[in-house]
C-alpha atoms as a PDB file:
ATOM      1  CA  UNK A   1      73.364 100.918  68.344  1.00  0.00           C
ATOM      2  CA  UNK A   2      75.479 103.929  69.289  1.00  0.00           C
ATOM      3  CA  UNK A   3      76.894 103.346  72.734  1.00  0.00           C
ATOM      4  CA  UNK A   4      79.260 106.306  72.816  1.00  0.00           C
ATOM      5  CA  UNK A   5      77.451 107.754  75.838  1.00  0.00           C
ATOM      6  CA  UNK A   6      77.983 104.457  77.683  1.00  0.00           C
ATOM      7  CA  UNK A   7      81.664 104.476  76.700  1.00  0.00           C
ATOM      8  CA  UNK A   8      82.029 108.065  77.927  1.00  0.00           C
ATOM      9  CA  UNK A   9      80.393 107.220  81.227  1.00  0.00           C
ATOM     10  CA  UNK A  10      82.548 104.109  81.573  1.00  0.00           C
ATOM     11  CA  UNK A  11      85.744 106.129  81.012  1.00  0.00           C
ATOM     12  CA  UNK A  12      84.664 108.741  83.550  1.00  0.00           C
ATOM     13  CA  UNK A  13      83.806 106.073  86.070  1.00  0.00           C
ATOM     14  CA  UNK A  14      87.121 104.289  85.510  1.00  0.00           C
ATOM     15  CA  UNK A  15      88.912 107.508  86.418  1.00  0.00           C
ATOM     16  CA  UNK A  16      86.753 107.935  89.502  1.00  0.00           C
ATOM     17  CA  UNK A  17      87.535 104.369  90.611  1.00  0.00           C
ATOM     18  CA  UNK A  18      91.279 104.970  90.290  1.00  0.00           C
ATOM     19  CA  UNK A  19      91.157 108.230  92.245  1.00  0.00           C
ATOM     20  CA  UNK A  20      88.997 106.663  94.953  1.00  0.00           C
ATOM     21  CA  UNK A  21      91.356 103.681  95.309  1.00  0.00           C
ATOM     22  CA  UNK A  22      94.224 106.091  95.906  1.00  0.00           C
ATOM     23  CA  UNK A  23      92.216 108.023  98.497  1.00  0.00           C
ATOM     24  CA  UNK A  24      91.177 104.803 100.219  1.00  0.00           C
ATOM     25  CA  UNK A  25      94.802 103.729 100.474  1.00  0.00           C
ATOM     26  CA  UNK A  26      95.837 107.113 101.879  1.00  0.00           C
ATOM     27  CA  UNK A  27      93.050 107.167 104.441  1.00  0.00           C
ATOM     28  CA  UNK A  28      93.711 103.555 105.399  1.00  0.00           C
ATOM     29  CA  UNK A  29      97.345 104.433 106.002  1.00  0.00           C
ATOM     30  CA  UNK A  30      96.335 107.449 108.080  1.00  0.00           C
ATOM     31  CA  UNK A  31      94.043 105.293 110.228  1.00  0.00           C
ATOM     32  CA  UNK A  32      96.808 102.741 110.736  1.00  0.00           C
ATOM     33  CA  UNK A  33      99.234 105.491 111.721  1.00  0.00           C
ATOM     34  CA  UNK A  34      96.748 106.960 114.190  1.00  0.00           C
ATOM     35  CA  UNK A  35      96.267 103.548 115.770  1.00  0.00           C
ATOM     36  CA  UNK A  36     100.034 103.031 116.042  1.00  0.00           C
ATOM     37  CA  UNK A  37     100.262 106.374 117.816  1.00  0.00           C
ATOM     38  CA  UNK A  38      97.381 105.329 120.115  1.00  0.00           C
ATOM     39  CA  UNK A  39      95.178 108.170 118.846  1.00  0.00           C
ATOM     40  CA  UNK A  40      91.410 108.020 118.476  1.00  0.00           C
ATOM     41  CA  UNK A  41      90.814 106.947 114.892  1.00  0.00           C
ATOM     42  CA  UNK A  42      87.070 106.335 115.174  1.00  0.00           C
ATOM     43  CA  UNK A  43      86.092 109.364 113.111  1.00  0.00           C
ATOM     44  CA  UNK A  44      88.552 108.449 110.352  1.00  0.00           C
ATOM     45  CA  UNK A  45      87.409 104.816 110.475  1.00  0.00           C
ATOM     46  CA  UNK A  46      83.821 105.947 109.936  1.00  0.00           C
ATOM     47  CA  UNK A  47      84.958 108.067 107.005  1.00  0.00           C
ATOM     48  CA  UNK A  48      86.935 105.128 105.617  1.00  0.00           C
ATOM     49  CA  UNK A  49      83.932 102.806 105.801  1.00  0.00           C
ATOM     50  CA  UNK A  50      81.738 105.376 104.014  1.00  0.00           C
ATOM     51  CA  UNK A  51      84.389 105.695 101.300  1.00  0.00           C
ATOM     52  CA  UNK A  52      84.546 101.921 100.946  1.00  0.00           C
ATOM     53  CA  UNK A  53      80.789 101.756 100.476  1.00  0.00           C
ATOM     54  CA  UNK A  54      80.919 104.497  97.838  1.00  0.00           C
ATOM     55  CA  UNK A  55      83.684 102.601  96.079  1.00  0.00           C
ATOM     56  CA  UNK A  56      81.621  99.415  96.110  1.00  0.00           C
ATOM     57  CA  UNK A  57      78.809 101.323  94.408  1.00  0.00           C
ATOM     58  CA  UNK A  58      81.187 102.788  91.815  1.00  0.00           C
ATOM     59  CA  UNK A  59      82.538  99.323  91.068  1.00  0.00           C
ATOM     60  CA  UNK A  60      79.009  97.983  90.749  1.00  0.00           C
ATOM     61  CA  UNK A  61      78.201 100.758  88.248  1.00  0.00           C
ATOM     62  CA  UNK A  62      81.442  99.980  86.410  1.00  0.00           C
ATOM     63  CA  UNK A  63      80.454  96.317  86.050  1.00  0.00           C
ATOM     64  CA  UNK A  64      76.996  97.321  84.822  1.00  0.00           C
ATOM     65  CA  UNK A  65      78.453  99.637  82.172  1.00  0.00           C
ATOM     66  CA  UNK A  66      81.008  97.062  81.118  1.00  0.00           C
ATOM     67  CA  UNK A  67      78.204  94.555  80.666  1.00  0.00           C
ATOM     68  CA  UNK A  68      76.341  97.023  78.442  1.00  0.00           C
ATOM     69  CA  UNK A  69      79.465  97.609  76.365  1.00  0.00           C
ATOM     70  CA  UNK A  70      80.016  93.883  75.855  1.00  0.00           C
ATOM     71  CA  UNK A  71      76.598  93.314  74.315  1.00  0.00           C
END
């Protein structure tokens, strides 16, 4: 069975996961800084939670693709 399309998708998704982890770290740091400065971080916290949920979905897709590749 040719699984090159699964491998391509897995590689793309791996890159997306790495980029998203970096963005999550940056936004998390920005939220922490805002809180230290006693600024309203609620909008950024909402954005951060949405990004976390998207990342969870990407990681779930990554596990699914990895499972397909290991068959």
